[in-house]
Amino acid sequence: MEISLPSLVQQMLQPEFYPHPVAEPIKLLQTHISYVFLTGDHVYKVKKSIKFGFLDFSTLALRSHFCQEELRLNRRLAPDLYLSVLPITQDPSTAEFHLNASGSAVEYAVQMRQFQQSGLELFERGQLTAATMQALGKQIAHFHQMAATNAEICANGSVASVCEIDENNFQLSLPFVGRTQTERQFEQTYDFIKRFVHEHEDWYVQRQAEGKIRDCHGDLHLNNLCLFQDRIQVFDCIEFNTEFRHIDCIYDVAFLVMDLEFRKRPDLANAFLNTYLERTGDYWGVVMLPPYLAMRAYIRGNVNSLGLNDLAISAEQKQSLEDEARAYYRLAWQYTQRSQGRLFLMSGLSGSGKSTVARQLAAQINAIQIRSDAVRKHLAGLPLEQKGTDEIYTPEMTEKTYGRLLELGMFLARQGWSVILDAKYDRQGFRGDAIASANQYKIPLQILHCTAPMEVICDRLRHRRGDIADATVDLLAQQQQQAEMFSEEEQKYVNTIATQNEISFPEKFFAADKA
């Protein structure tokens, strides 16, 4: 079936429309809300004159406003990509349209720089690495810390607002129960979300009180990442609906975590998430992830299911949409099936490889890694890159740091998370507190004692760059003197790992008993 394009779109497909050279043929991409023209060096986006329940582009004034909003909001994360909003005029005598000419505008276009590869293309080509995700985690952490928040924005994080959006999504999926998800999946996912909100209303109130509801991106997934000027750029945030953008920062993060896990790369999701958490210190927010991850996946299931009603889509395309919808709904359901929480304590001298081992283990078992270096600096109110002074390494501050580590670790483990407390744990008192607490709440615990030859440890510390840890070679002798041997009772928890060799973990670390 041939679709007739509006006259403006037809003219924008012609090279002479543009006041600059173009790469022919000009490519047209369509979304359900925009026409996108790829001209070579530049991209032009024109909003469709439409009105849905969640957006309104039905008048020229509204389209002008939202073009300006798109420019303003996306410049927060991708200032190099978003260039301007240009008016489009029309000559009444010839009916020809002109870009950025004098006269009354009849339409508007957002002008962007054209990039070569989307994040999804980079992912499919294997060009997204743990290092890439760590860099992105730092970028999004900074973005969220700078993002606006106020009483009006925070209101969108209320239990009533969250429940309304969740309920709308579940109602939208009802016609597809029995087709793209089973009735059991629907009921269990629905019951989990409703029960979670009901049982933890205080968590939602606390998130609001702490200013965690901010003016976020709202659509943070692989298709909205790109490589430009050798840097991952995040673009195409939601400009048309504040309810979709004024959200909990953890809900924003959950979209990319879910997207990577859907594509069978939980290791990349883990690298992104742990870096984000370390930078923001928002470890408490992890407990909000199960319902947020489930809803992100559920919404994608809805989007794919709704495509099955489109008469213009071929049978082959519909089969693909149906398969993807099933997979998304299944993932949403899986997020509601919580596992037994576990606690891992790292132990060893500075430079013995604790953080490297912890990072590798976290990627393999999807654990939350909490580094004492980060917790100490968060408690002191210091930027992570800033070298700590003697004041943050007093015995009192060390007690406070290990106390917060255990508090965070036990809280998350009791909610079903595997948690790695990444610190020296060289004192029996600190280890004993963790063991006692884990036993009290029946949380399985393991101690990973990292070792390496002293020359290897010294070499690592001398060549350490770009890390938040402050330890240097001259502290090693003191650490050796102060370290307390594992007691007979502790020995049953200890796993010694020689980090100068290739790391492999015991099979018992990968047990994922259901709670």
Protein backbone atom coordinates (compact mmCIF):
# COMPACT_ATOMS: atom_id res chain seq x y z
CA MET A 1 0.00 0.00 0.00
CA GLU A 2 1.55 3.29 -1.15
CA ILE A 3 1.30 6.10 1.37
CA SER A 4 0.95 9.67 0.14
CA LEU A 5 3.34 12.08 1.82
CA PRO A 6 2.41 15.70 2.65
CA SER A 7 3.73 18.27 0.17
CA LEU A 8 6.19 19.69 2.74
CA VAL A 9 7.70 16.26 3.27
CA GLN A 10 7.96 15.71 -0.47
CA GLN A 11 9.82 19.01 -0.90
CA MET A 12 12.13 18.28 2.03
CA LEU A 13 13.22 15.16 0.16
CA GLN A 14 14.56 17.36 -2.65
CA PRO A 15 18.19 18.65 -2.44
CA GLU A 16 17.25 22.17 -3.58
CA PHE A 17 15.16 22.66 -0.43
CA TYR A 18 18.31 23.01 1.66
CA PRO A 19 20.68 26.01 1.71
CA HIS A 20 23.68 23.67 1.94
CA PRO A 21 25.03 20.64 0.04
CA VAL A 22 23.32 17.34 0.82
CA ALA A 23 24.13 13.66 0.41
CA GLU A 24 21.73 12.20 -2.13
CA PRO A 25 19.33 10.59 -1.88
CA ILE A 26 17.97 12.29 1.21
CA LYS A 27 16.69 9.62 3.60
CA LEU A 28 13.34 9.90 5.35
CA LEU A 29 12.74 8.16 8.67
CA GLN A 30 9.32 8.21 10.27
CA THR A 31 8.29 7.72 13.86
CA HIS A 32 4.70 7.86 15.03
CA ILE A 33 5.23 11.54 15.95
CA SER A 34 7.91 12.94 13.60
CA TYR A 35 9.42 13.06 10.11
CA VAL A 36 13.22 12.85 10.21
CA PHE A 37 15.36 13.84 7.19
CA LEU A 38 18.98 12.70 6.88
CA THR A 39 20.84 15.07 4.55
CA GLY A 40 24.48 14.16 5.14
CA ASP A 41 25.95 16.58 7.66
CA HIS A 42 22.62 17.60 9.18
CA VAL A 43 19.38 16.02 10.35
CA TYR A 44 16.06 17.87 10.33
CA LYS A 45 13.12 16.75 12.45
CA VAL A 46 9.57 18.00 11.78
CA LYS A 47 6.81 17.14 14.23
CA LYS A 48 3.59 15.66 12.86
CA SER A 49 0.34 17.53 13.42
CA ILE A 50 -1.16 14.97 15.78
CA LYS A 51 -2.80 14.69 19.18
CA PHE A 52 -2.64 11.63 21.40
CA GLY A 53 -3.53 11.17 25.03
CA PHE A 54 0.10 11.70 26.03
CA LEU A 55 1.08 14.49 23.60
CA ASP A 56 -0.40 17.37 21.63
CA PHE A 57 1.29 18.65 18.46
CA SER A 58 -2.02 19.67 16.86
CA THR A 59 -1.28 23.39 16.37
CA LEU A 60 1.67 25.30 14.92
CA ALA A 61 2.15 27.12 18.22
CA LEU A 62 2.42 23.83 20.08
CA ARG A 63 4.84 22.38 17.54
CA SER A 64 6.98 25.53 17.80
CA HIS A 65 6.98 25.28 21.59
CA PHE A 66 7.95 21.62 21.65
CA CYS A 67 10.67 22.12 19.05
CA GLN A 68 12.20 24.73 21.35
CA GLU A 69 11.77 22.38 24.30
CA GLU A 70 13.45 19.58 22.37
CA LEU A 71 16.41 21.84 21.68
CA ARG A 72 16.65 23.12 25.25
CA LEU A 73 16.27 19.80 26.99
CA ASN A 74 18.55 17.77 24.73
CA ARG A 75 21.34 20.32 24.92
CA ARG A 76 21.73 19.22 28.56
CA LEU A 77 23.29 15.92 27.44
CA ALA A 78 24.12 16.45 23.75
CA PRO A 79 24.96 20.13 23.18
CA ASP A 80 27.15 19.24 20.18
CA LEU A 81 24.28 17.47 18.39
CA TYR A 82 21.42 19.95 18.78
CA LEU A 83 21.99 23.11 16.74
CA SER A 84 18.83 25.19 16.37
CA VAL A 85 15.12 25.43 15.59
CA LEU A 86 14.55 26.77 12.07
CA PRO A 87 11.31 28.22 10.67
CA ILE A 88 9.85 26.89 7.44
CA THR A 89 7.97 29.43 5.31
CA GLN A 90 5.83 29.03 2.20
CA ASP A 91 5.69 31.25 -0.88
CA PRO A 92 1.95 31.85 -1.51
CA SER A 93 2.46 32.37 -5.23
CA THR A 94 4.37 29.14 -5.89
CA ALA A 95 3.38 27.06 -2.83
CA GLU A 96 7.08 26.27 -2.40
CA PHE A 97 8.46 25.83 1.08
CA HIS A 98 11.69 27.45 2.24
CA LEU A 99 13.96 26.67 5.19
CA ASN A 100 14.96 29.54 7.48
CA ALA A 101 13.71 32.23 5.09
CA SER A 102 11.98 35.49 5.96
CA GLY A 103 8.23 35.51 6.33
CA SER A 104 5.63 33.87 8.55
CA ALA A 105 6.48 30.34 9.60
CA VAL A 106 4.12 27.56 8.55
CA GLU A 107 6.21 24.86 10.24
CA TYR A 108 9.39 24.37 12.29
CA ALA A 109 12.30 21.98 12.09
CA VAL A 110 14.83 20.96 14.72
CA GLN A 111 18.29 20.99 13.15
CA MET A 112 20.86 18.47 14.42
CA ARG A 113 24.25 17.21 13.39
CA GLN A 114 24.04 13.86 11.66
CA PHE A 115 25.86 10.96 13.28
CA GLN A 116 26.88 7.65 11.78
CA GLN A 117 26.10 4.99 14.36
CA SER A 118 23.32 4.60 16.89
CA GLY A 119 23.94 2.97 20.23
CA LEU A 120 22.05 -0.09 19.05
CA GLU A 121 24.32 -0.38 16.01
CA LEU A 122 27.36 0.03 18.26
CA PHE A 123 25.96 -2.68 20.53
CA GLU A 124 25.29 -5.07 17.66
CA ARG A 125 28.83 -4.55 16.37
CA GLY A 126 30.30 -5.26 19.79
CA GLN A 127 31.63 -1.71 20.17
CA LEU A 128 29.99 -1.06 23.54
CA THR A 129 32.30 -2.22 26.31
CA ALA A 130 32.36 -2.17 30.10
CA ALA A 131 34.58 0.92 29.87
CA THR A 132 32.00 2.62 27.62
CA MET A 133 29.23 1.83 30.09
CA GLN A 134 31.32 3.11 33.00
CA ALA A 135 31.90 6.40 31.17
CA LEU A 136 28.17 6.62 30.46
CA GLY A 137 27.39 5.87 34.10
CA LYS A 138 29.52 8.85 35.14
CA GLN A 139 27.86 11.06 32.53
CA ILE A 140 24.30 10.18 33.59
CA ALA A 141 25.20 10.52 37.27
CA HIS A 142 26.44 14.07 36.67
CA PHE A 143 23.38 14.84 34.55
CA HIS A 144 20.99 13.68 37.27
CA GLN A 145 22.85 15.58 39.98
CA MET A 146 22.51 18.77 37.92
CA ALA A 147 18.92 18.14 36.77
CA ALA A 148 16.18 20.42 38.04
CA THR A 149 13.88 19.43 40.87
CA ASN A 150 11.16 21.30 42.75
CA ALA A 151 7.82 20.65 44.41
CA GLU A 152 5.98 20.41 41.09
CA ILE A 153 8.49 17.94 39.67
CA CYS A 154 8.56 15.88 42.88
CA ALA A 155 4.77 15.52 42.79
CA ASN A 156 5.19 13.13 39.85
CA GLY A 157 6.95 10.69 42.17
CA SER A 158 3.99 10.37 44.52
CA VAL A 159 2.38 6.99 45.08
CA ALA A 160 -0.83 8.23 43.42
CA SER A 161 1.01 9.38 40.28
CA VAL A 162 3.09 6.21 40.01
CA CYS A 163 0.04 3.99 40.52
CA GLU A 164 -1.95 5.87 37.87
CA ILE A 165 0.75 5.41 35.24
CA ASP A 166 1.23 1.74 36.17
CA GLU A 167 -2.51 1.07 36.05
CA ASN A 168 -2.81 2.72 32.62
CA ASN A 169 -0.08 0.46 31.29
CA PHE A 170 -1.68 -2.69 32.68
CA GLN A 171 -5.09 -1.74 31.28
CA LEU A 172 -3.49 -1.09 27.90
CA SER A 173 -2.11 -4.63 27.85
CA LEU A 174 -5.39 -6.44 28.61
CA PRO A 175 -6.31 -7.18 24.96
CA PHE A 176 -2.99 -9.00 24.55
CA VAL A 177 -3.24 -11.28 27.59
CA GLY A 178 -3.29 -14.80 26.22
CA ARG A 179 -1.49 -13.71 23.06
CA THR A 180 1.79 -11.98 23.87
CA GLN A 181 1.82 -12.79 27.58
CA THR A 182 0.19 -15.53 29.60
CA GLU A 183 -2.57 -14.85 32.09
CA ARG A 184 -0.24 -16.10 34.85
CA GLN A 185 2.47 -13.64 33.82
CA PHE A 186 -0.01 -10.77 33.76
CA GLU A 187 -1.48 -11.61 37.17
CA GLN A 188 1.88 -12.11 38.89
CA THR A 189 3.45 -8.99 37.38
CA TYR A 190 0.38 -6.91 38.22
CA ASP A 191 0.17 -8.28 41.78
CA PHE A 192 3.88 -7.69 42.41
CA ILE A 193 3.77 -4.06 41.30
CA LYS A 194 0.62 -3.27 43.28
CA ARG A 195 1.92 -5.06 46.38
CA PHE A 196 5.33 -3.39 46.18
CA VAL A 197 3.84 0.10 46.09
CA HIS A 198 1.37 -0.69 48.87
CA GLU A 199 4.03 -2.20 51.16
CA HIS A 200 6.64 0.48 50.52
CA GLU A 201 4.75 3.75 50.29
CA ASP A 202 7.28 5.21 52.72
CA TRP A 203 10.08 4.55 50.20
CA TYR A 204 8.29 6.62 47.56
CA VAL A 205 7.72 9.42 50.06
CA GLN A 206 11.39 9.28 51.04
CA ARG A 207 12.51 9.49 47.41
CA GLN A 208 10.43 12.64 47.03
CA ALA A 209 11.77 14.14 50.26
CA GLU A 210 15.37 13.50 49.16
CA GLY A 211 14.84 15.25 45.82
CA LYS A 212 15.34 12.08 43.77
CA ILE A 213 12.45 12.97 41.45
CA ARG A 214 14.08 15.17 38.82
CA ASP A 215 13.76 16.50 35.28
CA CYS A 216 15.35 13.43 33.71
CA HIS A 217 15.78 12.10 30.16
CA GLY A 218 12.78 9.78 30.21
CA ASP A 219 13.74 7.60 27.25
CA LEU A 220 17.22 6.35 28.09
CA HIS A 221 17.82 3.27 25.92
CA LEU A 222 20.29 2.08 23.29
CA ASN A 223 18.48 3.63 20.33
CA ASN A 224 18.93 7.04 21.94
CA LEU A 225 22.70 6.73 22.26
CA CYS A 226 25.14 7.50 19.47
CA LEU A 227 28.84 7.90 18.83
CA PHE A 228 29.79 11.45 17.86
CA GLN A 229 33.27 12.99 18.00
CA ASP A 230 34.56 9.80 19.65
CA ARG A 231 32.16 10.18 22.56
CA ILE A 232 28.90 8.46 23.46
CA GLN A 233 26.13 11.06 23.24
CA VAL A 234 22.65 10.71 24.74
CA PHE A 235 19.90 12.33 22.67
CA ASP A 236 16.14 12.40 22.00
CA CYS A 237 14.81 12.88 25.53
CA ILE A 238 11.07 13.17 26.05
CA GLU A 239 10.09 16.79 25.52
CA PHE A 240 6.36 16.35 24.93
CA ASN A 241 5.18 15.04 28.31
CA THR A 242 6.56 16.13 31.67
CA GLU A 243 5.02 13.13 33.47
CA PHE A 244 7.26 10.82 31.42
CA ARG A 245 10.35 12.94 32.14
CA HIS A 246 9.79 14.13 35.72
CA ILE A 247 10.62 10.79 37.27
CA ASP A 248 12.78 9.07 39.87
CA CYS A 249 16.40 9.12 38.68
CA ILE A 250 16.53 5.36 39.30
CA TYR A 251 13.56 4.89 36.95
CA ASP A 252 15.53 6.79 34.28
CA VAL A 253 18.54 4.49 34.84
CA ALA A 254 16.30 1.41 34.81
CA PHE A 255 15.48 1.80 31.10
CA LEU A 256 19.08 1.31 29.92
CA VAL A 257 19.70 -1.44 32.48
CA MET A 258 16.60 -3.27 31.22
CA ASP A 259 17.52 -2.71 27.57
CA LEU A 260 20.97 -4.23 28.01
CA GLU A 261 19.61 -7.15 30.03
CA PHE A 262 16.95 -7.76 27.38
CA ARG A 263 19.78 -8.03 24.84
CA LYS A 264 21.56 -10.62 27.03
CA ARG A 265 24.34 -8.32 28.27
CA PRO A 266 23.73 -8.07 32.00
CA ASP A 267 27.48 -7.49 32.43
CA LEU A 268 27.26 -4.17 30.55
CA ALA A 269 24.13 -3.23 32.49
CA ASN A 270 25.99 -4.00 35.72
CA ALA A 271 29.00 -1.86 34.75
CA PHE A 272 26.71 1.07 33.97
CA LEU A 273 24.61 0.68 37.12
CA ASN A 274 27.49 0.24 39.57
CA THR A 275 29.35 3.23 38.16
CA TYR A 276 26.21 5.35 38.39
CA LEU A 277 25.60 4.29 41.99
CA GLU A 278 29.19 4.94 43.02
CA ARG A 279 29.11 8.43 41.53
CA THR A 280 25.76 9.44 43.01
CA GLY A 281 25.96 7.47 46.25
CA ASP A 282 22.29 6.57 45.67
CA TYR A 283 22.62 2.96 46.85
CA TRP A 284 19.32 3.18 48.71
CA GLY A 285 17.63 3.70 45.34
CA VAL A 286 18.52 0.15 44.28
CA VAL A 287 15.51 -1.18 46.18
CA MET A 288 13.26 0.69 43.72
CA LEU A 289 14.71 -1.15 40.73
CA PRO A 290 12.54 -4.33 40.65
CA PRO A 291 9.23 -2.53 39.96
CA TYR A 292 10.92 0.07 37.77
CA LEU A 293 12.75 -2.54 35.66
CA ALA A 294 9.54 -4.56 35.39
CA MET A 295 7.56 -1.54 34.21
CA ARG A 296 10.21 -0.54 31.66
CA ALA A 297 10.05 -4.03 30.16
CA TYR A 298 6.26 -4.12 30.40
CA ILE A 299 5.89 -0.83 28.54
CA ARG A 300 8.09 -2.17 25.73
CA GLY A 301 5.86 -5.23 25.65
CA ASN A 302 2.87 -2.93 25.25
CA VAL A 303 4.52 -0.91 22.46
CA ASN A 304 5.29 -4.03 20.45
CA SER A 305 1.84 -5.51 21.09
CA LEU A 306 0.08 -2.34 19.92
CA GLY A 307 1.96 -2.62 16.63
CA LEU A 308 0.01 -5.81 15.94
CA ASN A 309 -3.08 -3.66 15.31
CA ASP A 310 -1.39 -1.64 12.54
CA LEU A 311 -2.92 -2.61 9.17
CA ALA A 312 0.09 -1.21 7.29
CA ILE A 313 2.50 -3.68 8.90
CA SER A 314 3.28 -6.92 7.06
CA ALA A 315 2.64 -10.37 8.50
CA GLU A 316 6.40 -10.93 8.80
CA GLN A 317 6.86 -7.69 10.73
CA LYS A 318 3.94 -8.56 12.98
CA GLN A 319 5.49 -11.92 13.82
CA SER A 320 8.69 -10.14 14.85
CA LEU A 321 6.71 -7.68 16.98
CA GLU A 322 4.80 -10.53 18.61
CA ASP A 323 8.01 -12.40 19.45
CA GLU A 324 9.58 -9.27 20.94
CA ALA A 325 6.44 -8.47 22.93
CA ARG A 326 6.49 -11.96 24.44
CA ALA A 327 10.14 -11.58 25.37
CA TYR A 328 9.58 -8.18 27.00
CA TYR A 329 6.57 -9.36 29.00
CA ARG A 330 8.53 -12.43 30.09
CA LEU A 331 11.39 -10.23 31.26
CA ALA A 332 8.96 -7.98 33.15
CA TRP A 333 7.65 -11.05 34.95
CA GLN A 334 11.18 -12.28 35.69
CA TYR A 335 11.99 -9.01 37.46
CA THR A 336 9.18 -9.77 39.92
CA GLN A 337 10.75 -13.11 40.91
CA ARG A 338 13.20 -12.10 43.60
CA SER A 339 16.21 -14.22 44.61
CA GLN A 340 17.86 -14.86 47.96
CA GLY A 341 20.11 -11.96 48.88
CA ARG A 342 23.82 -12.61 49.46
CA LEU A 343 26.73 -10.73 50.98
CA PHE A 344 30.37 -10.83 49.89
CA LEU A 345 33.17 -9.16 51.84
CA MET A 346 36.37 -8.29 50.03
CA SER A 347 39.56 -8.45 52.10
CA GLY A 348 43.24 -7.71 51.51
CA LEU A 349 45.88 -5.02 51.29
CA SER A 350 45.51 -1.95 49.11
CA GLY A 351 46.64 -2.96 45.62
CA SER A 352 45.87 -6.64 46.19
CA GLY A 353 43.21 -6.54 43.46
CA LYS A 354 40.06 -6.32 45.59
CA SER A 355 38.16 -3.85 43.43
CA THR A 356 39.15 -5.59 40.19
CA VAL A 357 37.98 -8.95 41.55
CA ALA A 358 34.81 -7.39 42.96
CA ARG A 359 34.04 -5.75 39.62
CA GLN A 360 34.51 -9.06 37.77
CA LEU A 361 32.34 -10.95 40.23
CA ALA A 362 29.65 -8.25 40.16
CA ALA A 363 29.46 -8.49 36.36
CA GLN A 364 29.08 -12.27 36.52
CA ILE A 365 26.46 -12.52 39.26
CA ASN A 366 24.81 -9.10 38.80
CA ALA A 367 25.82 -7.82 42.22
CA ILE A 368 25.89 -4.32 43.64
CA GLN A 369 29.51 -3.38 44.36
CA ILE A 370 29.94 -0.82 47.16
CA ARG A 371 33.47 0.52 47.61
CA SER A 372 34.60 1.86 50.96
CA ASP A 373 36.61 4.57 49.14
CA ALA A 374 33.38 5.96 47.66
CA VAL A 375 31.33 5.62 50.83
CA ARG A 376 34.04 7.37 52.88
CA LYS A 377 34.16 10.34 50.50
CA HIS A 378 30.38 10.55 50.23
CA LEU A 379 30.18 10.68 54.02
CA ALA A 380 32.82 13.41 54.08
CA GLY A 381 31.10 15.39 51.32
CA LEU A 382 34.16 15.15 49.06
CA PRO A 383 34.18 14.71 45.26
CA LEU A 384 35.33 11.18 44.49
CA GLU A 385 38.32 12.38 42.46
CA GLN A 386 39.58 14.61 45.26
CA LYS A 387 42.40 13.15 47.33
CA GLY A 388 41.28 12.61 50.89
CA THR A 389 42.97 14.43 53.75
CA ASP A 390 44.00 12.87 57.08
CA GLU A 391 40.64 13.95 58.55
CA ILE A 392 38.71 11.35 56.57
CA TYR A 393 41.04 8.52 57.64
CA THR A 394 40.68 8.89 61.39
CA PRO A 395 39.58 5.80 63.40
CA GLU A 396 36.21 7.49 63.95
CA MET A 397 35.68 8.03 60.23
CA THR A 398 36.76 4.47 59.48
CA GLU A 399 34.21 3.15 62.00
CA LYS A 400 31.54 5.30 60.37
CA THR A 401 32.52 4.12 56.88
CA TYR A 402 32.35 0.41 57.77
CA GLY A 403 29.12 1.00 59.63
CA ARG A 404 27.53 2.58 56.56
CA LEU A 405 28.91 -0.19 54.32
CA LEU A 406 27.25 -2.84 56.43
CA GLU A 407 24.04 -0.85 56.76
CA LEU A 408 23.76 -0.52 52.98
CA GLY A 409 24.85 -4.10 52.29
CA MET A 410 22.39 -5.69 54.70
CA PHE A 411 19.51 -3.48 53.59
CA LEU A 412 19.99 -4.46 49.94
CA ALA A 413 20.72 -8.12 50.68
CA ARG A 414 17.52 -8.38 52.70
CA GLN A 415 15.65 -7.16 49.60
CA GLY A 416 17.12 -9.98 47.52
CA TRP A 417 20.26 -8.39 46.06
CA SER A 418 23.75 -9.86 45.90
CA VAL A 419 26.03 -7.21 47.42
CA ILE A 420 29.82 -6.96 47.43
CA LEU A 421 31.28 -4.80 50.19
CA ASP A 422 34.60 -3.75 48.70
CA ALA A 423 36.95 -2.78 51.54
CA LYS A 424 40.09 -4.06 53.27
CA TYR A 425 38.10 -5.81 56.02
CA ASP A 426 41.39 -6.34 57.82
CA ARG A 427 39.95 -6.18 61.36
CA GLN A 428 38.12 -8.98 63.10
CA GLY A 429 35.68 -6.48 64.57
CA PHE A 430 34.45 -5.27 61.18
CA ARG A 431 34.27 -8.81 59.83
CA GLY A 432 32.53 -10.04 62.98
CA ASP A 433 29.85 -7.36 62.73
CA ALA A 434 29.10 -8.38 59.13
CA ILE A 435 29.02 -12.11 59.96
CA ALA A 436 26.74 -11.56 62.96
CA SER A 437 24.35 -9.40 60.97
CA ALA A 438 24.25 -11.84 58.06
CA ASN A 439 23.55 -14.74 60.43
CA GLN A 440 20.82 -12.77 62.18
CA TYR A 441 18.94 -12.26 58.90
CA LYS A 442 19.94 -15.61 57.38
CA ILE A 443 21.90 -13.95 54.56
CA PRO A 444 24.59 -16.20 53.01
CA LEU A 445 28.04 -14.63 53.37
CA GLN A 446 31.44 -15.22 51.77
CA ILE A 447 34.80 -13.51 52.34
CA LEU A 448 37.10 -13.06 49.32
CA HIS A 449 40.65 -12.61 50.58
CA CYS A 450 42.79 -11.21 47.75
CA THR A 451 46.54 -11.83 47.71
CA ALA A 452 49.43 -11.08 45.37
CA PRO A 453 53.24 -10.94 45.64
CA MET A 454 54.39 -7.73 47.30
CA GLU A 455 56.26 -6.58 44.20
CA VAL A 456 53.04 -6.91 42.19
CA ILE A 457 51.07 -4.96 44.80
CA CYS A 458 53.67 -2.17 44.89
CA ASP A 459 53.76 -1.96 41.11
CA ARG A 460 49.96 -1.67 40.94
CA LEU A 461 49.90 1.16 43.47
CA ARG A 462 52.70 3.06 41.75
CA HIS A 463 50.92 2.88 38.39
CA ARG A 464 47.38 3.47 39.65
CA ARG A 465 45.72 6.29 37.69
CA GLY A 466 42.20 7.67 37.54
CA ASP A 467 40.95 5.73 40.55
CA ILE A 468 39.15 7.15 43.58
CA ALA A 469 41.32 5.22 46.07
CA ASP A 470 43.97 7.24 47.90
CA ALA A 471 46.25 4.43 49.18
CA THR A 472 49.94 4.60 48.23
CA VAL A 473 52.91 2.25 48.59
CA ASP A 474 54.13 3.89 51.79
CA LEU A 475 50.98 2.73 53.62
CA LEU A 476 51.55 -0.98 52.99
CA ALA A 477 53.83 -1.62 55.97
CA GLN A 478 51.29 -0.06 58.34
CA GLN A 479 48.45 -2.07 56.78
CA GLN A 480 50.41 -5.30 57.21
CA GLN A 481 51.05 -4.54 60.87
CA GLN A 482 47.43 -3.68 61.61
CA ALA A 483 45.84 -6.56 59.70
CA GLU A 484 44.30 -9.19 61.97
CA MET A 485 44.40 -12.86 61.04
CA PHE A 486 41.19 -14.72 60.30
CA SER A 487 39.89 -16.52 63.35
CA GLU A 488 38.99 -20.19 63.25
CA GLU A 489 35.33 -19.20 63.13
CA GLU A 490 35.95 -16.83 60.20
CA GLN A 491 37.93 -19.35 58.19
CA LYS A 492 34.81 -21.22 57.06
CA TYR A 493 33.73 -18.10 55.13
CA VAL A 494 37.12 -17.34 53.55
CA ASN A 495 37.98 -17.89 49.88
CA THR A 496 41.57 -16.92 49.01
CA ILE A 497 42.12 -15.53 45.52
CA ALA A 498 45.62 -15.05 44.09
CA THR A 499 45.05 -12.04 41.87
CA GLN A 500 48.32 -12.27 39.93
CA ASN A 501 46.73 -15.26 38.17
CA GLU A 502 43.64 -15.51 35.98
CA ILE A 503 40.61 -15.12 38.22
CA SER A 504 38.03 -17.86 38.52
CA PHE A 505 35.30 -18.04 41.13
CA PRO A 506 33.94 -21.06 43.01
CA GLU A 507 30.76 -22.53 41.58
CA LYS A 508 28.96 -21.79 44.86
CA PHE A 509 29.19 -18.05 44.07
CA PHE A 510 26.78 -18.55 41.17
CA ALA A 511 24.00 -20.24 43.12
CA ALA A 512 20.84 -18.18 42.73
CA ASP A 513 18.40 -19.64 45.20
CA LYS A 514 14.95 -18.16 45.04
CA ALA A 515 13.78 -16.37 48.12
